[in-house]
Structures are given as structure tokens and as C-alpha cells.
N, C-alpha and C. Protein backbone atom coordinates (compact mmCIF):
# COMPACT_ATOMS: atom_id res chain seq x y z
N UNK A 1 20.41 14.09 10.12
CA UNK A 1 19.48 13.39 10.42
C UNK A 1 19.61 11.86 9.71
N UNK A 2 19.96 10.75 10.46
CA UNK A 2 20.09 9.51 9.69
C UNK A 2 18.70 8.78 9.59
N UNK A 3 18.76 7.79 8.51
CA UNK A 3 17.59 7.12 8.26
C UNK A 3 17.73 5.97 9.16
N UNK A 4 16.99 5.84 9.86
CA UNK A 4 16.86 4.45 10.88
C UNK A 4 16.51 3.11 10.20
N UNK A 5 16.94 1.94 10.78
CA UNK A 5 16.59 0.67 10.14
C UNK A 5 14.88 0.65 10.24
N UNK A 6 14.21 1.05 11.08
CA UNK A 6 12.81 0.81 11.18
C UNK A 6 12.20 1.68 9.99
N UNK A 7 12.56 2.63 9.62
CA UNK A 7 12.12 3.24 8.78
C UNK A 7 12.38 2.69 7.36
N UNK A 8 13.34 2.00 7.22
CA UNK A 8 13.38 1.41 6.01
C UNK A 8 12.77 0.34 5.71
N UNK A 9 12.12 -0.24 6.80
CA UNK A 9 11.32 -1.33 6.98
C UNK A 9 9.92 -1.02 6.91
N UNK A 10 9.45 -0.02 6.77
CA UNK A 10 8.25 0.71 6.80
C UNK A 10 6.96 -0.30 6.00
N UNK A 11 7.18 -0.68 4.69
CA UNK A 11 6.29 -1.49 3.82
C UNK A 11 6.17 -2.70 4.58
N UNK A 12 6.98 -3.16 5.23
CA UNK A 12 6.94 -4.55 6.02
C UNK A 12 6.00 -4.08 7.26
N UNK A 13 6.01 -3.14 7.89
CA UNK A 13 5.20 -3.00 8.98
C UNK A 13 3.77 -2.71 8.65
N UNK A 14 3.57 -1.98 7.52
CA UNK A 14 2.28 -1.33 7.23
C UNK A 14 2.12 -1.83 5.71
N UNK A 15 1.63 -2.67 5.31
CA UNK A 15 1.39 -3.15 3.90
C UNK A 15 0.80 -2.07 3.08
N UNK A 16 1.01 -1.81 1.92
CA UNK A 16 0.23 -0.87 0.89
C UNK A 16 -0.79 -1.36 0.64
N UNK A 17 -2.00 -0.60 0.60
CA UNK A 17 -3.19 -0.81 -0.14
C UNK A 17 -3.14 -1.26 -1.76
N UNK A 18 -3.57 -2.12 -2.17
CA UNK A 18 -3.32 -2.25 -3.60
C UNK A 18 -4.90 -2.27 -4.31
N UNK A 19 -4.85 -1.55 -5.52
CA UNK A 19 -6.22 -1.20 -6.17
C UNK A 19 -6.93 -2.51 -6.85
N UNK A 20 -5.93 -3.25 -7.10
CA UNK A 20 -6.75 -4.71 -7.41
C UNK A 20 -7.53 -5.18 -6.64
N UNK A 21 -7.19 -5.28 -5.25
CA UNK A 21 -7.80 -5.85 -4.27
C UNK A 21 -9.02 -5.10 -3.73
N UNK A 22 -8.99 -3.69 -3.88
CA UNK A 22 -9.95 -2.81 -3.80
C UNK A 22 -11.30 -2.99 -4.68
N UNK A 23 -10.78 -3.30 -6.05
CA UNK A 23 -11.80 -3.50 -7.13
C UNK A 23 -12.47 -4.85 -6.97
N UNK A 24 -11.70 -5.82 -6.27
CA UNK A 24 -12.08 -7.15 -5.63
C UNK A 24 -13.24 -6.87 -4.68
N UNK A 25 -12.92 -6.27 -3.81
CA UNK A 25 -13.85 -6.10 -2.53
C UNK A 25 -15.12 -5.20 -3.10
N UNK A 26 -15.25 -4.44 -4.05
CA UNK A 26 -16.24 -3.62 -4.49
C UNK A 26 -17.18 -4.81 -5.18
N UNK A 27 -16.46 -5.66 -5.96
CA UNK A 27 -17.13 -6.60 -6.83
C UNK A 27 -17.98 -7.57 -5.99
N UNK A 28 -17.20 -7.97 -4.70
CA UNK A 28 -17.88 -8.84 -3.79
C UNK A 28 -19.20 -8.18 -2.95
N UNK A 29 -18.85 -6.96 -2.78
CA UNK A 29 -19.70 -6.25 -2.08
C UNK A 29 -21.11 -6.05 -3.30
N UNK A 30 -20.96 -5.76 -4.39
CA UNK A 30 -21.89 -5.67 -5.17
C UNK A 30 -22.84 -6.93 -5.47
N UNK A 31 -22.15 -8.02 -5.46
CA UNK A 31 -22.70 -9.38 -5.55
C UNK A 31 -23.69 -9.67 -4.32
N UNK A 32 -23.25 -9.10 -3.14
CA UNK A 32 -23.95 -9.37 -1.89
C UNK A 32 -25.16 -8.49 -2.10
N UNK A 33 -25.16 -7.15 -2.51
CA UNK A 33 -26.41 -6.54 -2.64
C UNK A 33 -27.25 -6.79 -3.74
N UNK A 34 -26.96 -7.64 -4.76
CA UNK A 34 -27.70 -8.24 -5.81
C UNK A 34 -28.46 -9.36 -5.15
N UNK A 35 -27.76 -10.01 -4.01
CA UNK A 35 -28.52 -11.20 -3.60
C UNK A 35 -29.45 -10.61 -2.47
N UNK A 36 -29.14 -9.40 -1.92
CA UNK A 36 -30.20 -8.96 -1.01
C UNK A 36 -31.40 -8.10 -1.54
N UNK A 37 -31.41 -8.15 -3.09
CA UNK A 37 -32.43 -7.59 -3.82
C UNK A 37 -32.31 -6.25 -4.30
N UNK A 38 -31.11 -5.60 -4.46
CA UNK A 38 -30.97 -4.41 -5.09
C UNK A 38 -30.61 -4.86 -6.80
N UNK A 39 -31.50 -4.20 -7.74
CA UNK A 39 -31.13 -4.59 -9.25
C UNK A 39 -29.84 -4.10 -9.72
N UNK A 40 -29.38 -4.81 -10.75
CA UNK A 40 -28.21 -4.42 -11.40
C UNK A 40 -28.20 -2.95 -11.94
N UNK A 41 -29.18 -2.51 -12.26
CA UNK A 41 -29.63 -0.80 -12.86
C UNK A 41 -29.11 -0.13 -11.67
N UNK A 42 -29.67 -0.19 -10.34
CA UNK A 42 -29.49 0.41 -9.30
C UNK A 42 -28.00 0.68 -9.08
N UNK A 43 -27.23 -0.55 -9.09
CA UNK A 43 -25.84 -0.46 -8.98
C UNK A 43 -25.29 0.08 -9.72
N UNK A 44 -25.40 0.27 -11.09
CA UNK A 44 -24.55 0.98 -12.00
C UNK A 44 -24.69 2.36 -11.61
N UNK A 45 -25.55 2.99 -10.97
CA UNK A 45 -25.60 4.32 -10.62
C UNK A 45 -25.00 4.62 -9.46
N UNK A 46 -24.61 3.76 -8.49
CA UNK A 46 -24.25 3.82 -7.33
C UNK A 46 -22.76 3.94 -7.36
N UNK A 47 -22.15 4.95 -6.45
CA UNK A 47 -20.87 5.22 -6.33
C UNK A 47 -20.19 3.88 -5.15
N UNK A 48 -19.05 4.19 -4.74
CA UNK A 48 -18.47 3.18 -3.82
C UNK A 48 -18.85 3.59 -2.37
N UNK A 49 -19.04 4.79 -2.23
CA UNK A 49 -19.72 5.24 -0.74
C UNK A 49 -21.19 4.88 -0.69
N UNK A 50 -21.87 4.94 -1.81
CA UNK A 50 -23.27 4.39 -1.76
C UNK A 50 -23.32 2.72 -1.65
N UNK A 51 -22.42 2.20 -2.09
CA UNK A 51 -22.59 0.94 -1.99
C UNK A 51 -22.26 0.17 -0.53
N UNK A 52 -21.08 1.03 -0.14
CA UNK A 52 -20.93 0.80 1.28
C UNK A 52 -21.93 0.93 2.37
N UNK A 53 -22.73 2.13 2.06
CA UNK A 53 -23.74 2.47 3.12
C UNK A 53 -24.84 1.34 2.83
N UNK A 54 -25.14 0.61 1.71
CA UNK A 54 -26.15 0.04 1.25
C UNK A 54 -25.93 -1.38 2.03
N UNK A 55 -24.39 -1.61 1.92
CA UNK A 55 -23.98 -2.88 2.67
C UNK A 55 -24.47 -2.69 4.11
N UNK A 56 -23.97 -1.66 4.76
CA UNK A 56 -24.40 -1.49 6.37
C UNK A 56 -26.00 -1.68 6.59
N UNK A 57 -26.68 -0.90 5.81
CA UNK A 57 -28.13 -1.14 5.80
C UNK A 57 -28.76 -2.52 5.84
N UNK A 58 -28.35 -3.42 4.80
CA UNK A 58 -28.62 -4.59 4.62
C UNK A 58 -28.25 -5.48 5.91
N UNK A 59 -27.17 -5.47 6.44
CA UNK A 59 -26.47 -6.34 7.43
C UNK A 59 -27.17 -6.03 8.82
N UNK A 60 -27.62 -4.60 9.03
CA UNK A 60 -28.12 -4.26 10.26
C UNK A 60 -29.66 -5.05 10.41
């Protein structure tokens, strides 16, 4: 079975997520939560899933 041209161009079709951008998104979300009234000490104990859940609750 040969490798087709479309498979060679896979990263161009679907970009790979980068860890640096993920850290930046989490930092921005933390800033939004601080603005919404959550303290810095509470944020230290939250993991990423809890941060995203808190963002959803404050936006709704």
C-alpha cells in the first residue's frame, strides 16, 4: 500500500495543538475568573477541568 499525497500533507490539513498555546489559554481563563470574583488562592487549588467549568458557570 502506497502513501498518498493527502496523507503526507496531514499537518497542513489539521494543525497540531501546541502546549504553549494551551498554557496561554489557561492563563487567560484564570484572569477572567479573577475578574469574576474568584480569589487567587482558590485558583491555585483548581485543575484545568475545574477552571473550564467555572468559566462556563460565570458566563451563563
